Amino acid sequence: MELWRSRYHKSVNLIVINNGHKDFVFAGKNKACKIRYICRLYIKELVLENFPGLSVEQLLERMVELTLYTEENL
């Protein structure tokens, strides 16, 4: 088992999700949980790609902000 959850491949504009990761397997037991998990992975990759150079604290703040807005609209 590999530890990575998701990776963004810029050359093909694609987010790859590790469906063998224990968190993905756990989330897959419930459809709503799986959707929220995938959404969080998308947010993680979106923040990492669009806010280069920010501190870890600032990146986490952006993730919380986007998670709030996204889950409001799921």
PDB file of N, CA and C in Angstrom:
ATOM      1  N   MET A   1       0.846  -1.190   0.000  1.00  0.00           N
ATOM      2  CA  MET A   1       0.000   0.000   0.000  1.00  0.00           C
ATOM      3  C   MET A   1       0.882   1.241   0.000  1.00  0.00           C
ATOM      4  N   GLU A   2       0.555   2.173  -0.864  1.00  0.00           N
ATOM      5  CA  GLU A   2       1.268   3.439  -0.914  1.00  0.00           C
ATOM      6  C   GLU A   2       0.528   4.458  -0.058  1.00  0.00           C
ATOM      7  N   LEU A   3       1.285   5.384   0.531  1.00  0.00           N
ATOM      8  CA  LEU A   3       0.703   6.338   1.472  1.00  0.00           C
ATOM      9  C   LEU A   3       0.020   7.528   0.816  1.00  0.00           C
ATOM     10  N   TRP A   4       0.331   7.847  -0.433  1.00  0.00           N
ATOM     11  CA  TRP A   4      -0.257   9.025  -1.048  1.00  0.00           C
ATOM     12  C   TRP A   4      -1.754   8.830  -1.289  1.00  0.00           C
ATOM     13  N   ARG A   5      -2.504   9.918  -1.118  1.00  0.00           N
ATOM     14  CA  ARG A   5      -3.959   9.871  -1.305  1.00  0.00           C
ATOM     15  C   ARG A   5      -4.358  10.334  -2.705  1.00  0.00           C
ATOM     16  N   SER A   6      -3.723  11.406  -3.151  1.00  0.00           N
ATOM     17  CA  SER A   6      -4.034  11.943  -4.473  1.00  0.00           C
ATOM     18  C   SER A   6      -2.822  12.698  -4.996  1.00  0.00           C
ATOM     19  N   ARG A   7      -2.782  12.819  -6.316  1.00  0.00           N
ATOM     20  CA  ARG A   7      -1.709  13.549  -6.985  1.00  0.00           C
ATOM     21  C   ARG A   7      -2.302  14.282  -8.176  1.00  0.00           C
ATOM     22  N   TYR A   8      -1.775  15.466  -8.421  1.00  0.00           N
ATOM     23  CA  TYR A   8      -2.202  16.239  -9.586  1.00  0.00           C
ATOM     24  C   TYR A   8      -1.155  16.105 -10.677  1.00  0.00           C
ATOM     25  N   HIS A   9      -1.586  15.666 -11.845  1.00  0.00           N
ATOM     26  CA  HIS A   9      -0.691  15.566 -12.994  1.00  0.00           C
ATOM     27  C   HIS A   9      -0.985  16.748 -13.906  1.00  0.00           C
ATOM     28  N   LYS A  10      -0.150  17.767 -13.767  1.00  0.00           N
ATOM     29  CA  LYS A  10      -0.350  19.025 -14.475  1.00  0.00           C
ATOM     30  C   LYS A  10      -0.366  18.847 -15.993  1.00  0.00           C
ATOM     31  N   SER A  11       0.491  17.979 -16.511  1.00  0.00           N
ATOM     32  CA  SER A  11       0.609  17.823 -17.967  1.00  0.00           C
ATOM     33  C   SER A  11      -0.689  17.374 -18.624  1.00  0.00           C
ATOM     34  N   VAL A  12      -1.510  16.627 -17.895  1.00  0.00           N
ATOM     35  CA  VAL A  12      -2.790  16.162 -18.452  1.00  0.00           C
ATOM     36  C   VAL A  12      -3.988  16.733 -17.691  1.00  0.00           C
ATOM     37  N   ASN A  13      -3.711  17.660 -16.764  1.00  0.00           N
ATOM     38  CA  ASN A  13      -4.764  18.314 -15.979  1.00  0.00           C
ATOM     39  C   ASN A  13      -5.700  17.282 -15.338  1.00  0.00           C
ATOM     40  N   LEU A  14      -5.084  16.364 -14.574  1.00  0.00           N
ATOM     41  CA  LEU A  14      -5.832  15.248 -14.016  1.00  0.00           C
ATOM     42  C   LEU A  14      -5.414  15.003 -12.568  1.00  0.00           C
ATOM     43  N   ILE A  15      -6.403  14.810 -11.716  1.00  0.00           N
ATOM     44  CA  ILE A  15      -6.146  14.429 -10.339  1.00  0.00           C
ATOM     45  C   ILE A  15      -6.349  12.926 -10.239  1.00  0.00           C
ATOM     46  N   VAL A  16      -5.312  12.235  -9.798  1.00  0.00           N
ATOM     47  CA  VAL A  16      -5.363  10.781  -9.652  1.00  0.00           C
ATOM     48  C   VAL A  16      -5.551  10.463  -8.175  1.00  0.00           C
ATOM     49  N   ILE A  17      -6.524   9.626  -7.885  1.00  0.00           N
ATOM     50  CA  ILE A  17      -6.831   9.236  -6.507  1.00  0.00           C
ATOM     51  C   ILE A  17      -6.361   7.812  -6.289  1.00  0.00           C
ATOM     52  N   ASN A  18      -5.664   7.598  -5.185  1.00  0.00           N
ATOM     53  CA  ASN A  18      -5.179   6.266  -4.824  1.00  0.00           C
ATOM     54  C   ASN A  18      -6.329   5.488  -4.183  1.00  0.00           C
ATOM     55  N   ASN A  19      -6.993   4.663  -4.981  1.00  0.00           N
ATOM     56  CA  ASN A  19      -8.146   3.922  -4.466  1.00  0.00           C
ATOM     57  C   ASN A  19      -7.742   2.736  -3.597  1.00  0.00           C
ATOM     58  N   GLY A  20      -6.441   2.519  -3.438  1.00  0.00           N
ATOM     59  CA  GLY A  20      -5.958   1.480  -2.544  1.00  0.00           C
ATOM     60  C   GLY A  20      -5.605   2.008  -1.163  1.00  0.00           C
ATOM     61  N   HIS A  21      -5.650   3.323  -1.013  1.00  0.00           N
ATOM     62  CA  HIS A  21      -5.330   3.916   0.288  1.00  0.00           C
ATOM     63  C   HIS A  21      -6.402   3.519   1.301  1.00  0.00           C
ATOM     64  N   LYS A  22      -5.975   3.258   2.530  1.00  0.00           N
ATOM     65  CA  LYS A  22      -6.921   2.779   3.552  1.00  0.00           C
ATOM     66  C   LYS A  22      -8.053   3.776   3.805  1.00  0.00           C
ATOM     67  N   ASP A  23      -7.791   5.075   3.662  1.00  0.00           N
ATOM     68  CA  ASP A  23      -8.851   6.068   3.856  1.00  0.00           C
ATOM     69  C   ASP A  23      -9.896   5.993   2.741  1.00  0.00           C
ATOM     70  N   PHE A  24      -9.451   5.757   1.512  1.00  0.00           N
ATOM     71  CA  PHE A  24     -10.389   5.621   0.405  1.00  0.00           C
ATOM     72  C   PHE A  24     -11.257   4.385   0.606  1.00  0.00           C
ATOM     73  N   VAL A  25     -10.633   3.294   0.998  1.00  0.00           N
ATOM     74  CA  VAL A  25     -11.370   2.050   1.243  1.00  0.00           C
ATOM     75  C   VAL A  25     -12.400   2.271   2.347  1.00  0.00           C
ATOM     76  N   PHE A  26     -11.990   2.922   3.427  1.00  0.00           N
ATOM     77  CA  PHE A  26     -12.902   3.195   4.537  1.00  0.00           C
ATOM     78  C   PHE A  26     -14.059   4.091   4.084  1.00  0.00           C
ATOM     79  N   ALA A  27     -13.743   5.153   3.356  1.00  0.00           N
ATOM     80  CA  ALA A  27     -14.774   6.090   2.893  1.00  0.00           C
ATOM     81  C   ALA A  27     -15.736   5.418   1.915  1.00  0.00           C
ATOM     82  N   GLY A  28     -15.241   4.417   1.190  1.00  0.00           N
ATOM     83  CA  GLY A  28     -16.065   3.743   0.199  1.00  0.00           C
ATOM     84  C   GLY A  28     -17.199   2.922   0.770  1.00  0.00           C
ATOM     85  N   LYS A  29     -17.220   2.739   2.073  1.00  0.00           N
ATOM     86  CA  LYS A  29     -18.290   1.969   2.705  1.00  0.00           C
ATOM     87  C   LYS A  29     -19.606   2.736   2.753  1.00  0.00           C
ATOM     88  N   ASN A  30     -19.532   4.050   2.545  1.00  0.00           N
ATOM     89  CA  ASN A  30     -20.711   4.904   2.601  1.00  0.00           C
ATOM     90  C   ASN A  30     -20.617   5.904   1.455  1.00  0.00           C
ATOM     91  N   LYS A  31     -21.610   5.951   0.601  1.00  0.00           N
ATOM     92  CA  LYS A  31     -21.555   6.801  -0.596  1.00  0.00           C
ATOM     93  C   LYS A  31     -21.329   8.269  -0.261  1.00  0.00           C
ATOM     94  N   ALA A  32     -22.038   8.796   0.708  1.00  0.00           N
ATOM     95  CA  ALA A  32     -21.891  10.212   1.071  1.00  0.00           C
ATOM     96  C   ALA A  32     -20.491  10.488   1.607  1.00  0.00           C
ATOM     97  N   CYS A  33     -19.973   9.580   2.403  1.00  0.00           N
ATOM     98  CA  CYS A  33     -18.626   9.731   2.956  1.00  0.00           C
ATOM     99  C   CYS A  33     -17.587   9.713   1.832  1.00  0.00           C
ATOM    100  N   LYS A  34     -17.783   8.837   0.863  1.00  0.00           N
ATOM    101  CA  LYS A  34     -16.859   8.725  -0.266  1.00  0.00           C
ATOM    102  C   LYS A  34     -16.858  10.016  -1.092  1.00  0.00           C
ATOM    103  N   ILE A  35     -18.017  10.585  -1.319  1.00  0.00           N
ATOM    104  CA  ILE A  35     -18.110  11.845  -2.066  1.00  0.00           C
ATOM    105  C   ILE A  35     -17.392  12.964  -1.322  1.00  0.00           C
ATOM    106  N   ARG A  36     -17.604  13.053  -0.007  1.00  0.00           N
ATOM    107  CA  ARG A  36     -16.920  14.081   0.794  1.00  0.00           C
ATOM    108  C   ARG A  36     -15.404  13.876   0.774  1.00  0.00           C
ATOM    109  N   TYR A  37     -14.965  12.625   0.847  1.00  0.00           N
ATOM    110  CA  TYR A  37     -13.530  12.320   0.823  1.00  0.00           C
ATOM    111  C   TYR A  37     -12.916  12.759  -0.508  1.00  0.00           C
ATOM    112  N   ILE A  38     -13.533  12.392  -1.598  1.00  0.00           N
ATOM    113  CA  ILE A  38     -13.033  12.780  -2.916  1.00  0.00           C
ATOM    114  C   ILE A  38     -13.030  14.296  -3.059  1.00  0.00           C
ATOM    115  N   CYS A  39     -14.037  14.937  -2.545  1.00  0.00           N
ATOM    116  CA  CYS A  39     -14.110  16.392  -2.579  1.00  0.00           C
ATOM    117  C   CYS A  39     -12.937  17.017  -1.821  1.00  0.00           C
ATOM    118  N   ARG A  40     -12.619  16.464  -0.667  1.00  0.00           N
ATOM    119  CA  ARG A  40     -11.487  16.982   0.124  1.00  0.00           C
ATOM    120  C   ARG A  40     -10.162  16.790  -0.612  1.00  0.00           C
ATOM    121  N   LEU A  41     -10.016  15.664  -1.293  1.00  0.00           N
ATOM    122  CA  LEU A  41      -8.795  15.440  -2.073  1.00  0.00           C
ATOM    123  C   LEU A  41      -8.694  16.456  -3.204  1.00  0.00           C
ATOM    124  N   TYR A  42      -9.799  16.726  -3.869  1.00  0.00           N
ATOM    125  CA  TYR A  42      -9.824  17.727  -4.932  1.00  0.00           C
ATOM    126  C   TYR A  42      -9.435  19.093  -4.382  1.00  0.00           C
ATOM    127  N   ILE A  43      -9.985  19.442  -3.236  1.00  0.00           N
ATOM    128  CA  ILE A  43      -9.660  20.725  -2.598  1.00  0.00           C
ATOM    129  C   ILE A  43      -8.179  20.791  -2.263  1.00  0.00           C
ATOM    130  N   LYS A  44      -7.636  19.712  -1.718  1.00  0.00           N
ATOM    131  CA  LYS A  44      -6.210  19.669  -1.377  1.00  0.00           C
ATOM    132  C   LYS A  44      -5.357  19.977  -2.602  1.00  0.00           C
ATOM    133  N   GLU A  45      -5.647  19.304  -3.706  1.00  0.00           N
ATOM    134  CA  GLU A  45      -4.859  19.493  -4.916  1.00  0.00           C
ATOM    135  C   GLU A  45      -5.070  20.895  -5.502  1.00  0.00           C
ATOM    136  N   LEU A  46      -6.287  21.381  -5.439  1.00  0.00           N
ATOM    137  CA  LEU A  46      -6.604  22.719  -5.935  1.00  0.00           C
ATOM    138  C   LEU A  46      -5.828  23.788  -5.170  1.00  0.00           C
ATOM    139  N   VAL A  47      -5.801  23.668  -3.866  1.00  0.00           N
ATOM    140  CA  VAL A  47      -5.093  24.634  -3.023  1.00  0.00           C
ATOM    141  C   VAL A  47      -3.586  24.548  -3.259  1.00  0.00           C
ATOM    142  N   LEU A  48      -3.042  23.340  -3.287  1.00  0.00           N
ATOM    143  CA  LEU A  48      -1.603  23.194  -3.506  1.00  0.00           C
ATOM    144  C   LEU A  48      -1.171  23.774  -4.851  1.00  0.00           C
ATOM    145  N   GLU A  49      -1.985  23.592  -5.870  1.00  0.00           N
ATOM    146  CA  GLU A  49      -1.626  24.065  -7.208  1.00  0.00           C
ATOM    147  C   GLU A  49      -1.803  25.576  -7.362  1.00  0.00           C
ATOM    148  N   ASN A  50      -2.821  26.130  -6.722  1.00  0.00           N
ATOM    149  CA  ASN A  50      -3.165  27.537  -6.960  1.00  0.00           C
ATOM    150  C   ASN A  50      -2.583  28.524  -5.965  1.00  0.00           C
ATOM    151  N   PHE A  51      -1.980  28.036  -4.904  1.00  0.00           N
ATOM    152  CA  PHE A  51      -1.413  28.939  -3.905  1.00  0.00           C
ATOM    153  C   PHE A  51       0.027  28.558  -3.570  1.00  0.00           C
ATOM    154  N   PRO A  52       0.890  28.534  -4.582  1.00  0.00           N
ATOM    155  CA  PRO A  52       2.282  28.172  -4.313  1.00  0.00           C
ATOM    156  C   PRO A  52       2.955  29.241  -3.451  1.00  0.00           C
ATOM    157  N   GLY A  53       3.826  28.791  -2.590  1.00  0.00           N
ATOM    158  CA  GLY A  53       4.583  29.733  -1.780  1.00  0.00           C
ATOM    159  C   GLY A  53       3.927  30.144  -0.476  1.00  0.00           C
ATOM    160  N   LEU A  54       2.665  29.759  -0.272  1.00  0.00           N
ATOM    161  CA  LEU A  54       2.022  30.091   0.994  1.00  0.00           C
ATOM    162  C   LEU A  54       2.567  29.188   2.096  1.00  0.00           C
ATOM    163  N   SER A  55       2.504  29.675   3.303  1.00  0.00           N
ATOM    164  CA  SER A  55       2.928  28.864   4.441  1.00  0.00           C
ATOM    165  C   SER A  55       1.933  27.722   4.646  1.00  0.00           C
ATOM    166  N   VAL A  56       2.353  26.738   5.401  1.00  0.00           N
ATOM    167  CA  VAL A  56       1.469  25.604   5.696  1.00  0.00           C
ATOM    168  C   VAL A  56       0.197  26.109   6.364  1.00  0.00           C
ATOM    169  N   GLU A  57       0.328  27.031   7.281  1.00  0.00           N
ATOM    170  CA  GLU A  57      -0.851  27.574   7.979  1.00  0.00           C
ATOM    171  C   GLU A  57      -1.814  28.240   7.001  1.00  0.00           C
ATOM    172  N   GLN A  58      -1.283  29.019   6.059  1.00  0.00           N
ATOM    173  CA  GLN A  58      -2.141  29.689   5.080  1.00  0.00           C
ATOM    174  C   GLN A  58      -2.815  28.684   4.149  1.00  0.00           C
ATOM    175  N   LEU A  59      -2.081  27.638   3.759  1.00  0.00           N
ATOM    176  CA  LEU A  59      -2.678  26.600   2.912  1.00  0.00           C
ATOM    177  C   LEU A  59      -3.826  25.903   3.634  1.00  0.00           C
ATOM    178  N   LEU A  60      -3.607  25.596   4.915  1.00  0.00           N
ATOM    179  CA  LEU A  60      -4.668  24.943   5.688  1.00  0.00           C
ATOM    180  C   LEU A  60      -5.885  25.849   5.829  1.00  0.00           C
ATOM    181  N   GLU A  61      -5.662  27.133   6.016  1.00  0.00           N
ATOM    182  CA  GLU A  61      -6.781  28.081   6.104  1.00  0.00           C
ATOM    183  C   GLU A  61      -7.579  28.089   4.805  1.00  0.00           C
ATOM    184  N   ARG A  62      -6.896  28.067   3.663  1.00  0.00           N
ATOM    185  CA  ARG A  62      -7.578  28.012   2.361  1.00  0.00           C
ATOM    186  C   ARG A  62      -8.364  26.711   2.215  1.00  0.00           C
ATOM    187  N   MET A  63      -7.777  25.611   2.672  1.00  0.00           N
ATOM    188  CA  MET A  63      -8.475  24.325   2.592  1.00  0.00           C
ATOM    189  C   MET A  63      -9.754  24.339   3.425  1.00  0.00           C
ATOM    190  N   VAL A  64      -9.673  24.893   4.616  1.00  0.00           N
ATOM    191  CA  VAL A  64     -10.866  24.969   5.471  1.00  0.00           C
ATOM    192  C   VAL A  64     -11.932  25.819   4.786  1.00  0.00           C
ATOM    193  N   GLU A  65     -11.519  26.945   4.239  1.00  0.00           N
ATOM    194  CA  GLU A  65     -12.454  27.848   3.557  1.00  0.00           C
ATOM    195  C   GLU A  65     -13.150  27.150   2.392  1.00  0.00           C
ATOM    196  N   LEU A  66     -12.371  26.510   1.525  1.00  0.00           N
ATOM    197  CA  LEU A  66     -12.962  25.835   0.378  1.00  0.00           C
ATOM    198  C   LEU A  66     -13.814  24.641   0.770  1.00  0.00           C
ATOM    199  N   THR A  67     -13.401  23.921   1.798  1.00  0.00           N
ATOM    200  CA  THR A  67     -14.184  22.784   2.281  1.00  0.00           C
ATOM    201  C   THR A  67     -15.552  23.241   2.760  1.00  0.00           C
ATOM    202  N   LEU A  68     -15.578  24.333   3.488  1.00  0.00           N
ATOM    203  CA  LEU A  68     -16.838  24.878   3.980  1.00  0.00           C
ATOM    204  C   LEU A  68     -17.776  25.226   2.830  1.00  0.00           C
ATOM    205  N   TYR A  69     -17.265  25.953   1.845  1.00  0.00           N
ATOM    206  CA  TYR A  69     -18.098  26.357   0.714  1.00  0.00           C
ATOM    207  C   TYR A  69     -18.546  25.155  -0.119  1.00  0.00           C
ATOM    208  N   THR A  70     -17.659  24.207  -0.306  1.00  0.00           N
ATOM    209  CA  THR A  70     -17.986  23.044  -1.130  1.00  0.00           C
ATOM    210  C   THR A  70     -19.021  22.154  -0.458  1.00  0.00           C
ATOM    211  N   GLU A  71     -18.822  21.858   0.821  1.00  0.00           N
ATOM    212  CA  GLU A  71     -19.754  20.967   1.506  1.00  0.00           C
ATOM    213  C   GLU A  71     -21.132  21.602   1.657  1.00  0.00           C
ATOM    214  N   GLU A  72     -21.194  22.902   1.633  1.00  0.00           N
ATOM    215  CA  GLU A  72     -22.477  23.599   1.668  1.00  0.00           C
ATOM    216  C   GLU A  72     -23.293  23.287   0.414  1.00  0.00           C
ATOM    217  N   ASN A  73     -22.579  22.995  -0.680  1.00  0.00           N
ATOM    218  CA  ASN A  73     -23.246  22.791  -1.976  1.00  0.00           C
ATOM    219  C   ASN A  73     -23.240  21.342  -2.458  1.00  0.00           C
ATOM    220  N   LEU A  74     -22.867  20.410  -1.601  1.00  0.00           N
ATOM    221  CA  LEU A  74     -22.892  19.004  -2.016  1.00  0.00           C
ATOM    222  C   LEU A  74     -24.302  18.460  -2.048  1.00  0.00           C
TER     223      LEU A  74
END
